[in-house]
Amino acid sequence: MISPLPAGWTNLGGVNAHMSRALGNWQSDNAIDMGAKPGTPVYAVEDGQIDPGAGFGFRESGPTIWGWRLTLAGDSGDRYFYTHLGGCQRLIKPGVRVKEGQLLGWIGNPPGFPSHLHFGSTRNPEKIAYGPPRPLTPEDHLRILTGW
C-alpha cells in the first residue's frame, strides 16, 4: 500500500478535525485533507476497482463539494474516497480495475479553499497518507510545474 500523493504534501486536517464536524459517513468523517499544488498526481493506494455505484464524476455545489471524485474498492475489502480532483486520467472509468500506484487523476483547485486531496478510507486514512510515496515520473514533474 502506498500514499495517494507523492512526498511533499501538507496535512490540512486529519480525522480528528473531520470528526469535530462529523457528517455521518466514512467518506467525510474518516478522512484527511492532503494539501498539494494543483496538478499534483493522485495514485491508487492498492489494487482494486473504481466503484461504479459510488458517485464517480464531477460535482460543483460550492467549495466543500467541488471537483472530480471517485471511490476505489480495494482488493483487501477496504474502500478509498478521493475528491477535489481537477481531472481524472482518461482511462479511469467506473468499473475499471486499477493497480497500486496507477495514476487516477490530479489535484484540482477548489474555489475558496487551498488545493488539496480529500482522502477518506474505511481503514486509517492518516496511516495510508503517511505511507511510502510512489516516485515521481518526468511527466509528473512537468504537470506539477505547469499546474496541469
C-alpha atoms as a PDB file:
ATOM      1  CA  MET A   1       0.000   0.000   0.000  1.00  0.00           C
ATOM      2  CA  ILE A   2       1.271   3.463  -0.941  1.00  0.00           C
ATOM      3  CA  SER A   3       0.315   7.052  -0.208  1.00  0.00           C
ATOM      4  CA  PRO A   4      -2.169   8.567  -2.686  1.00  0.00           C
ATOM      5  CA  LEU A   5       0.209  11.545  -3.197  1.00  0.00           C
ATOM      6  CA  PRO A   6       3.934  11.907  -3.784  1.00  0.00           C
ATOM      7  CA  ALA A   7       6.104  13.206  -0.949  1.00  0.00           C
ATOM      8  CA  GLY A   8       5.890  16.880  -0.046  1.00  0.00           C
ATOM      9  CA  TRP A   9       2.169  17.292   0.751  1.00  0.00           C
ATOM     10  CA  THR A  10       0.891  19.173   3.829  1.00  0.00           C
ATOM     11  CA  ASN A  11      -1.669  17.937   6.372  1.00  0.00           C
ATOM     12  CA  LEU A  12      -4.530  20.465   6.231  1.00  0.00           C
ATOM     13  CA  GLY A  13      -6.794  18.488   8.584  1.00  0.00           C
ATOM     14  CA  GLY A  14      -6.909  14.899   9.736  1.00  0.00           C
ATOM     15  CA  VAL A  15      -9.528  12.553  11.146  1.00  0.00           C
ATOM     16  CA  ASN A  16      -9.909  14.487  14.422  1.00  0.00           C
ATOM     17  CA  ALA A  17     -10.664  17.714  12.544  1.00  0.00           C
ATOM     18  CA  HIS A  18     -13.183  15.932  10.312  1.00  0.00           C
ATOM     19  CA  MET A  19     -14.858  14.184  13.247  1.00  0.00           C
ATOM     20  CA  SER A  20     -15.332  17.541  15.004  1.00  0.00           C
ATOM     21  CA  ARG A  21     -17.772  18.421  12.206  1.00  0.00           C
ATOM     22  CA  ALA A  22     -18.949  14.884  11.531  1.00  0.00           C
ATOM     23  CA  LEU A  23     -21.385  14.355   8.669  1.00  0.00           C
ATOM     24  CA  GLY A  24     -22.099  10.713   9.497  1.00  0.00           C
ATOM     25  CA  ASN A  25     -20.321   8.962   6.622  1.00  0.00           C
ATOM     26  CA  TRP A  26     -16.872   7.431   6.317  1.00  0.00           C
ATOM     27  CA  GLN A  27     -16.052   9.420   3.174  1.00  0.00           C
ATOM     28  CA  SER A  28     -16.264  12.742   5.027  1.00  0.00           C
ATOM     29  CA  ASP A  29     -15.517  11.806   8.628  1.00  0.00           C
ATOM     30  CA  ASN A  30     -12.729   9.222   8.393  1.00  0.00           C
ATOM     31  CA  ALA A  31     -10.567  11.374   6.145  1.00  0.00           C
ATOM     32  CA  ILE A  32      -7.505  13.559   5.795  1.00  0.00           C
ATOM     33  CA  ASP A  33      -7.031  16.688   3.666  1.00  0.00           C
ATOM     34  CA  MET A  34      -3.685  16.433   1.901  1.00  0.00           C
ATOM     35  CA  GLY A  35      -2.542  19.857   0.662  1.00  0.00           C
ATOM     36  CA  ALA A  36      -0.565  19.964  -2.589  1.00  0.00           C
ATOM     37  CA  LYS A  37      -0.185  22.119  -5.695  1.00  0.00           C
ATOM     38  CA  PRO A  38      -2.801  21.849  -8.444  1.00  0.00           C
ATOM     39  CA  GLY A  39      -1.640  19.272 -10.953  1.00  0.00           C
ATOM     40  CA  THR A  40      -0.012  17.017  -8.352  1.00  0.00           C
ATOM     41  CA  PRO A  41      -0.628  13.392  -9.399  1.00  0.00           C
ATOM     42  CA  VAL A  42      -3.002  11.212  -7.361  1.00  0.00           C
ATOM     43  CA  TYR A  43      -2.488   7.440  -7.255  1.00  0.00           C
ATOM     44  CA  ALA A  44      -4.361   4.253  -6.413  1.00  0.00           C
ATOM     45  CA  VAL A  45      -3.287   3.152  -2.924  1.00  0.00           C
ATOM     46  CA  GLU A  46      -3.887  -0.532  -3.695  1.00  0.00           C
ATOM     47  CA  ASP A  47      -5.146  -2.827  -6.446  1.00  0.00           C
ATOM     48  CA  GLY A  48      -8.910  -2.696  -6.892  1.00  0.00           C
ATOM     49  CA  GLN A  49     -11.839  -1.461  -8.954  1.00  0.00           C
ATOM     50  CA  ILE A  50     -13.312   2.005  -9.437  1.00  0.00           C
ATOM     51  CA  ASP A  51     -16.709   1.592  -7.778  1.00  0.00           C
ATOM     52  CA  PRO A  52     -19.414   2.191 -10.425  1.00  0.00           C
ATOM     53  CA  GLY A  53     -22.101   2.922  -7.813  1.00  0.00           C
ATOM     54  CA  ALA A  54     -20.263   5.437  -5.647  1.00  0.00           C
ATOM     55  CA  GLY A  55     -20.817   8.760  -7.388  1.00  0.00           C
ATOM     56  CA  PHE A  56     -17.950   8.875  -9.885  1.00  0.00           C
ATOM     57  CA  GLY A  57     -17.855  12.199 -11.710  1.00  0.00           C
ATOM     58  CA  PHE A  58     -17.607  15.961 -11.390  1.00  0.00           C
ATOM     59  CA  ARG A  59     -19.592  17.946  -8.858  1.00  0.00           C
ATOM     60  CA  GLU A  60     -19.734  21.656  -8.168  1.00  0.00           C
ATOM     61  CA  SER A  61     -22.022  22.820  -5.400  1.00  0.00           C
ATOM     62  CA  GLY A  62     -19.750  25.172  -3.507  1.00  0.00           C
ATOM     63  CA  PRO A  63     -16.172  24.921  -2.295  1.00  0.00           C
ATOM     64  CA  THR A  64     -16.717  21.949   0.024  1.00  0.00           C
ATOM     65  CA  ILE A  65     -18.168  19.765  -2.739  1.00  0.00           C
ATOM     66  CA  TRP A  66     -16.107  20.514  -5.822  1.00  0.00           C
ATOM     67  CA  GLY A  67     -14.232  18.554  -8.422  1.00  0.00           C
ATOM     68  CA  TRP A  68     -13.923  15.037  -9.711  1.00  0.00           C
ATOM     69  CA  ARG A  69     -14.474  12.277  -7.195  1.00  0.00           C
ATOM     70  CA  LEU A  70     -14.189   8.521  -7.201  1.00  0.00           C
ATOM     71  CA  THR A  71     -14.241   5.567  -4.845  1.00  0.00           C
ATOM     72  CA  LEU A  72     -11.726   2.757  -5.117  1.00  0.00           C
ATOM     73  CA  ALA A  73     -12.947  -0.624  -3.856  1.00  0.00           C
ATOM     74  CA  GLY A  74      -9.664  -2.237  -2.856  1.00  0.00           C
ATOM     75  CA  ASP A  75      -8.993  -5.941  -3.255  1.00  0.00           C
ATOM     76  CA  SER A  76      -8.386  -6.025   0.530  1.00  0.00           C
ATOM     77  CA  GLY A  77     -12.060  -5.158   1.098  1.00  0.00           C
ATOM     78  CA  ASP A  78     -11.248  -1.586   2.159  1.00  0.00           C
ATOM     79  CA  ARG A  79     -12.700   1.404   0.312  1.00  0.00           C
ATOM     80  CA  TYR A  80     -10.993   4.704  -0.510  1.00  0.00           C
ATOM     81  CA  PHE A  81     -12.662   8.004  -1.404  1.00  0.00           C
ATOM     82  CA  TYR A  82     -10.804  10.631  -3.453  1.00  0.00           C
ATOM     83  CA  THR A  83     -12.280  14.080  -4.091  1.00  0.00           C
ATOM     84  CA  HIS A  84     -11.344  17.631  -5.178  1.00  0.00           C
ATOM     85  CA  LEU A  85      -9.586  16.233  -8.229  1.00  0.00           C
ATOM     86  CA  GLY A  86      -9.082  18.689 -11.081  1.00  0.00           C
ATOM     87  CA  GLY A  87      -9.235  15.857 -13.567  1.00  0.00           C
ATOM     88  CA  CYS A  88      -9.145  12.106 -13.889  1.00  0.00           C
ATOM     89  CA  GLN A  89      -6.828  10.045 -16.024  1.00  0.00           C
ATOM     90  CA  ARG A  90      -8.666   9.314 -19.287  1.00  0.00           C
ATOM     91  CA  LEU A  91      -8.674   5.556 -18.737  1.00  0.00           C
ATOM     92  CA  ILE A  92     -10.256   5.801 -15.267  1.00  0.00           C
ATOM     93  CA  LYS A  93     -13.947   4.996 -15.603  1.00  0.00           C
ATOM     94  CA  PRO A  94     -16.472   3.345 -13.275  1.00  0.00           C
ATOM     95  CA  GLY A  95     -15.885  -0.407 -13.126  1.00  0.00           C
ATOM     96  CA  VAL A  96     -12.272  -0.259 -14.373  1.00  0.00           C
ATOM     97  CA  ARG A  97      -9.641  -2.263 -12.465  1.00  0.00           C
ATOM     98  CA  VAL A  98      -6.566  -0.345 -11.318  1.00  0.00           C
ATOM     99  CA  LYS A  99      -3.190  -1.317  -9.891  1.00  0.00           C
ATOM    100  CA  GLU A 100      -1.453   0.116  -6.836  1.00  0.00           C
ATOM    101  CA  GLY A 101       0.470   3.212  -7.930  1.00  0.00           C
ATOM    102  CA  GLN A 102      -1.615   3.754 -11.071  1.00  0.00           C
ATOM    103  CA  LEU A 103      -2.366   7.386 -11.887  1.00  0.00           C
ATOM    104  CA  LEU A 104      -6.011   8.201 -11.103  1.00  0.00           C
ATOM    105  CA  GLY A 105      -6.040  11.962 -11.606  1.00  0.00           C
ATOM    106  CA  TRP A 106      -4.618  15.282 -10.454  1.00  0.00           C
ATOM    107  CA  ILE A 107      -5.144  17.695  -7.589  1.00  0.00           C
ATOM    108  CA  GLY A 108      -7.594  20.409  -8.561  1.00  0.00           C
ATOM    109  CA  ASN A 109      -8.034  23.973  -7.331  1.00  0.00           C
ATOM    110  CA  PRO A 110     -11.350  24.255  -5.428  1.00  0.00           C
ATOM    111  CA  PRO A 111     -12.691  27.820  -5.168  1.00  0.00           C
ATOM    112  CA  GLY A 112     -12.242  29.346  -1.718  1.00  0.00           C
ATOM    113  CA  PHE A 113     -10.025  26.523  -0.373  1.00  0.00           C
ATOM    114  CA  PRO A 114      -6.355  25.602  -0.671  1.00  0.00           C
ATOM    115  CA  SER A 115      -5.739  22.950  -3.320  1.00  0.00           C
ATOM    116  CA  HIS A 116      -5.827  19.508  -1.725  1.00  0.00           C
ATOM    117  CA  LEU A 117      -6.904  15.892  -1.958  1.00  0.00           C
ATOM    118  CA  HIS A 118      -9.672  14.903   0.433  1.00  0.00           C
ATOM    119  CA  PHE A 119      -8.815  11.248   1.063  1.00  0.00           C
ATOM    120  CA  GLY A 120     -11.250   9.084   3.011  1.00  0.00           C
ATOM    121  CA  SER A 121     -10.895   5.430   3.898  1.00  0.00           C
ATOM    122  CA  THR A 122     -12.693   2.649   5.739  1.00  0.00           C
ATOM    123  CA  ARG A 123      -9.217   1.973   7.161  1.00  0.00           C
ATOM    124  CA  ASN A 124      -6.922   4.526   8.890  1.00  0.00           C
ATOM    125  CA  PRO A 125      -6.534   7.244   6.216  1.00  0.00           C
ATOM    126  CA  GLU A 126      -3.736   9.030   8.080  1.00  0.00           C
ATOM    127  CA  LYS A 127      -1.605   5.874   8.236  1.00  0.00           C
ATOM    128  CA  ILE A 128      -2.099   5.345   4.498  1.00  0.00           C
ATOM    129  CA  ALA A 129      -1.436   9.019   3.671  1.00  0.00           C
ATOM    130  CA  TYR A 130       1.894   8.915   5.501  1.00  0.00           C
ATOM    131  CA  GLY A 131       2.833   5.609   3.841  1.00  0.00           C
ATOM    132  CA  PRO A 132       5.549   5.261   1.241  1.00  0.00           C
ATOM    133  CA  PRO A 133       5.040   7.583  -1.748  1.00  0.00           C
ATOM    134  CA  ARG A 134       5.300   6.468  -5.360  1.00  0.00           C
ATOM    135  CA  PRO A 135       8.329   8.031  -7.076  1.00  0.00           C
ATOM    136  CA  LEU A 136       7.508  10.874  -9.461  1.00  0.00           C
ATOM    137  CA  THR A 137       7.959  10.405 -13.197  1.00  0.00           C
ATOM    138  CA  PRO A 138       9.218  13.160 -15.544  1.00  0.00           C
ATOM    139  CA  GLU A 139       5.595  13.642 -16.708  1.00  0.00           C
ATOM    140  CA  ASP A 140       4.516  14.143 -13.078  1.00  0.00           C
ATOM    141  CA  HIS A 141       7.160  16.860 -12.588  1.00  0.00           C
ATOM    142  CA  LEU A 142       6.057  18.668 -15.749  1.00  0.00           C
ATOM    143  CA  ARG A 143       2.381  18.541 -14.702  1.00  0.00           C
ATOM    144  CA  ILE A 144       3.207  19.960 -11.244  1.00  0.00           C
ATOM    145  CA  LEU A 145       5.338  22.768 -12.715  1.00  0.00           C
ATOM    146  CA  THR A 146       2.709  23.771 -15.268  1.00  0.00           C
ATOM    147  CA  GLY A 147      -0.278  23.330 -12.929  1.00  0.00           C
ATOM    148  CA  TRP A 148      -1.777  20.558 -15.103  1.00  0.00           C
END
